[in-house]
Amino acid sequence: MRILDLVINEVAVGKLAARGISSLEIEQVIANDPSVGDNPEPRVHGSKALVGPTDAVRFLTVILQPDEDTATRWHVMTAWESSARQINAFHRDR
């Protein structure tokens, strides 16, 4: 999975803000080598779930949707604080 262009639209910013998550934290998770898997509850084929730490070591689960036109552009759909199970799986995968 290669991300050259990350899109965070106003709807996503609102969802993130409701959970106390900033756009900067999303960018940090992506930059900090998250674990990547298929979204377990996809609304869009090919969507991915990323689990990883921010620079402050806050673990987040981020849902990305692929762009229809460009394979390296991804859209942030939502994110939340990772569960203990997700964090443990992240560490196991390392």
C-alpha atoms as a PDB file:
ATOM      1  CA  MET A   1       0.000   0.000   0.000  1.00  0.00           C
ATOM      2  CA  ARG A   2       1.522   3.259  -1.132  1.00  0.00           C
ATOM      3  CA  ILE A   3       0.105   6.599   0.005  1.00  0.00           C
ATOM      4  CA  LEU A   4       1.328   9.657  -1.876  1.00  0.00           C
ATOM      5  CA  ASP A   5      -1.821  11.727  -1.459  1.00  0.00           C
ATOM      6  CA  LEU A   6      -4.033  11.608   1.641  1.00  0.00           C
ATOM      7  CA  VAL A   7      -7.467  13.206   1.446  1.00  0.00           C
ATOM      8  CA  ILE A   8      -9.269  14.228   4.642  1.00  0.00           C
ATOM      9  CA  ASN A   9     -12.545  15.894   3.689  1.00  0.00           C
ATOM     10  CA  GLU A  10     -14.811  17.952   5.957  1.00  0.00           C
ATOM     11  CA  VAL A  11     -16.996  14.979   6.876  1.00  0.00           C
ATOM     12  CA  ALA A  12     -13.942  12.991   7.996  1.00  0.00           C
ATOM     13  CA  VAL A  13     -12.567  15.980   9.927  1.00  0.00           C
ATOM     14  CA  GLY A  14     -15.883  16.148  11.795  1.00  0.00           C
ATOM     15  CA  LYS A  15     -15.803  12.433  12.631  1.00  0.00           C
ATOM     16  CA  LEU A  16     -12.216  12.726  13.831  1.00  0.00           C
ATOM     17  CA  ALA A  17     -12.931  15.827  15.914  1.00  0.00           C
ATOM     18  CA  ALA A  18     -15.862  14.076  17.602  1.00  0.00           C
ATOM     19  CA  ARG A  19     -13.354  11.479  18.824  1.00  0.00           C
ATOM     20  CA  GLY A  20     -10.666  13.989  19.763  1.00  0.00           C
ATOM     21  CA  ILE A  21      -8.402  12.999  16.866  1.00  0.00           C
ATOM     22  CA  SER A  22      -6.558  15.515  14.693  1.00  0.00           C
ATOM     23  CA  SER A  23      -5.613  15.286  11.028  1.00  0.00           C
ATOM     24  CA  LEU A  24      -1.982  15.586  12.114  1.00  0.00           C
ATOM     25  CA  GLU A  25      -2.346  12.435  14.230  1.00  0.00           C
ATOM     26  CA  ILE A  26      -3.669  10.549  11.202  1.00  0.00           C
ATOM     27  CA  GLU A  27      -0.637  11.634   9.192  1.00  0.00           C
ATOM     28  CA  GLN A  28       1.647  10.541  12.051  1.00  0.00           C
ATOM     29  CA  VAL A  29       0.100   7.057  12.214  1.00  0.00           C
ATOM     30  CA  ILE A  30       0.684   6.639   8.486  1.00  0.00           C
ATOM     31  CA  ALA A  31       4.278   7.890   8.765  1.00  0.00           C
ATOM     32  CA  ASN A  32       5.015   5.604  11.745  1.00  0.00           C
ATOM     33  CA  ASP A  33       4.726   2.312   9.825  1.00  0.00           C
ATOM     34  CA  PRO A  34       1.291   1.059  10.913  1.00  0.00           C
ATOM     35  CA  SER A  35       0.042  -2.468  10.479  1.00  0.00           C
ATOM     36  CA  VAL A  36      -2.272  -2.637   7.475  1.00  0.00           C
ATOM     37  CA  GLY A  37      -5.129  -5.030   6.924  1.00  0.00           C
ATOM     38  CA  ASP A  38      -8.411  -5.260   5.111  1.00  0.00           C
ATOM     39  CA  ASN A  39     -11.210  -3.279   6.699  1.00  0.00           C
ATOM     40  CA  PRO A  40     -13.260  -5.901   8.588  1.00  0.00           C
ATOM     41  CA  GLU A  41     -16.508  -4.034   7.879  1.00  0.00           C
ATOM     42  CA  PRO A  42     -15.966  -2.468   4.462  1.00  0.00           C
ATOM     43  CA  ARG A  43     -18.492  -0.196   2.844  1.00  0.00           C
ATOM     44  CA  VAL A  44     -16.139   0.219  -0.101  1.00  0.00           C
ATOM     45  CA  HIS A  45     -14.214  -2.626  -1.736  1.00  0.00           C
ATOM     46  CA  GLY A  46     -10.492  -2.319  -1.070  1.00  0.00           C
ATOM     47  CA  SER A  47     -10.760  -0.184   2.054  1.00  0.00           C
ATOM     48  CA  LYS A  48      -8.011  -0.733   4.620  1.00  0.00           C
ATOM     49  CA  ALA A  49      -7.672  -0.591   8.396  1.00  0.00           C
ATOM     50  CA  LEU A  50      -4.391   0.787   9.695  1.00  0.00           C
ATOM     51  CA  VAL A  51      -3.317   0.428  13.336  1.00  0.00           C
ATOM     52  CA  GLY A  52      -0.362   2.329  14.667  1.00  0.00           C
ATOM     53  CA  PRO A  53       1.014   4.943  17.017  1.00  0.00           C
ATOM     54  CA  THR A  54       1.090   8.703  16.747  1.00  0.00           C
ATOM     55  CA  ASP A  55       4.308  10.496  17.651  1.00  0.00           C
ATOM     56  CA  ALA A  56       2.958  10.685  21.228  1.00  0.00           C
ATOM     57  CA  VAL A  57       2.422   6.870  21.157  1.00  0.00           C
ATOM     58  CA  ARG A  58      -1.367   7.145  21.066  1.00  0.00           C
ATOM     59  CA  PHE A  59      -2.568   4.118  19.110  1.00  0.00           C
ATOM     60  CA  LEU A  60      -5.234   4.796  16.515  1.00  0.00           C
ATOM     61  CA  THR A  61      -7.149   2.648  14.069  1.00  0.00           C
ATOM     62  CA  VAL A  62      -7.625   4.514  10.789  1.00  0.00           C
ATOM     63  CA  ILE A  63      -9.963   3.471   7.982  1.00  0.00           C
ATOM     64  CA  LEU A  64      -8.852   4.459   4.495  1.00  0.00           C
ATOM     65  CA  GLN A  65     -10.751   4.126   1.245  1.00  0.00           C
ATOM     66  CA  PRO A  66      -8.929   3.863  -2.089  1.00  0.00           C
ATOM     67  CA  ASP A  67      -9.401   6.576  -4.674  1.00  0.00           C
ATOM     68  CA  GLU A  68     -11.293   5.528  -7.795  1.00  0.00           C
ATOM     69  CA  ASP A  69      -8.815   7.191 -10.152  1.00  0.00           C
ATOM     70  CA  THR A  70      -5.377   7.034  -8.522  1.00  0.00           C
ATOM     71  CA  ALA A  71      -3.864   4.029  -6.741  1.00  0.00           C
ATOM     72  CA  THR A  72      -1.662   6.217  -4.521  1.00  0.00           C
ATOM     73  CA  ARG A  73      -4.464   8.518  -3.291  1.00  0.00           C
ATOM     74  CA  TRP A  74      -6.398   7.381  -0.215  1.00  0.00           C
ATOM     75  CA  HIS A  75      -9.344   8.957   1.591  1.00  0.00           C
ATOM     76  CA  VAL A  76      -9.649   8.969   5.377  1.00  0.00           C
ATOM     77  CA  MET A  77     -13.099   7.715   6.316  1.00  0.00           C
ATOM     78  CA  THR A  78     -12.854   7.599  10.118  1.00  0.00           C
ATOM     79  CA  ALA A  79     -10.558   6.695  13.006  1.00  0.00           C
ATOM     80  CA  TRP A  80     -10.756   5.775  16.676  1.00  0.00           C
ATOM     81  CA  GLU A  81      -8.522   4.848  19.593  1.00  0.00           C
ATOM     82  CA  SER A  82      -7.268   1.330  19.037  1.00  0.00           C
ATOM     83  CA  SER A  83      -8.505  -1.429  21.315  1.00  0.00           C
ATOM     84  CA  ALA A  84      -6.093  -3.435  23.470  1.00  0.00           C
ATOM     85  CA  ARG A  85      -6.570  -6.345  21.063  1.00  0.00           C
ATOM     86  CA  GLN A  86      -5.621  -4.183  18.073  1.00  0.00           C
ATOM     87  CA  ILE A  87      -2.549  -2.834  19.884  1.00  0.00           C
ATOM     88  CA  ASN A  88      -1.465  -6.351  20.865  1.00  0.00           C
ATOM     89  CA  ALA A  89      -1.860  -7.497  17.254  1.00  0.00           C
ATOM     90  CA  PHE A  90       0.249  -4.536  16.107  1.00  0.00           C
ATOM     91  CA  HIS A  91       3.060  -5.566  18.462  1.00  0.00           C
ATOM     92  CA  ARG A  92       2.746  -9.243  17.485  1.00  0.00           C
ATOM     93  CA  ASP A  93       3.142  -8.333  13.807  1.00  0.00           C
ATOM     94  CA  ARG A  94       6.455  -6.572  14.484  1.00  0.00           C
END
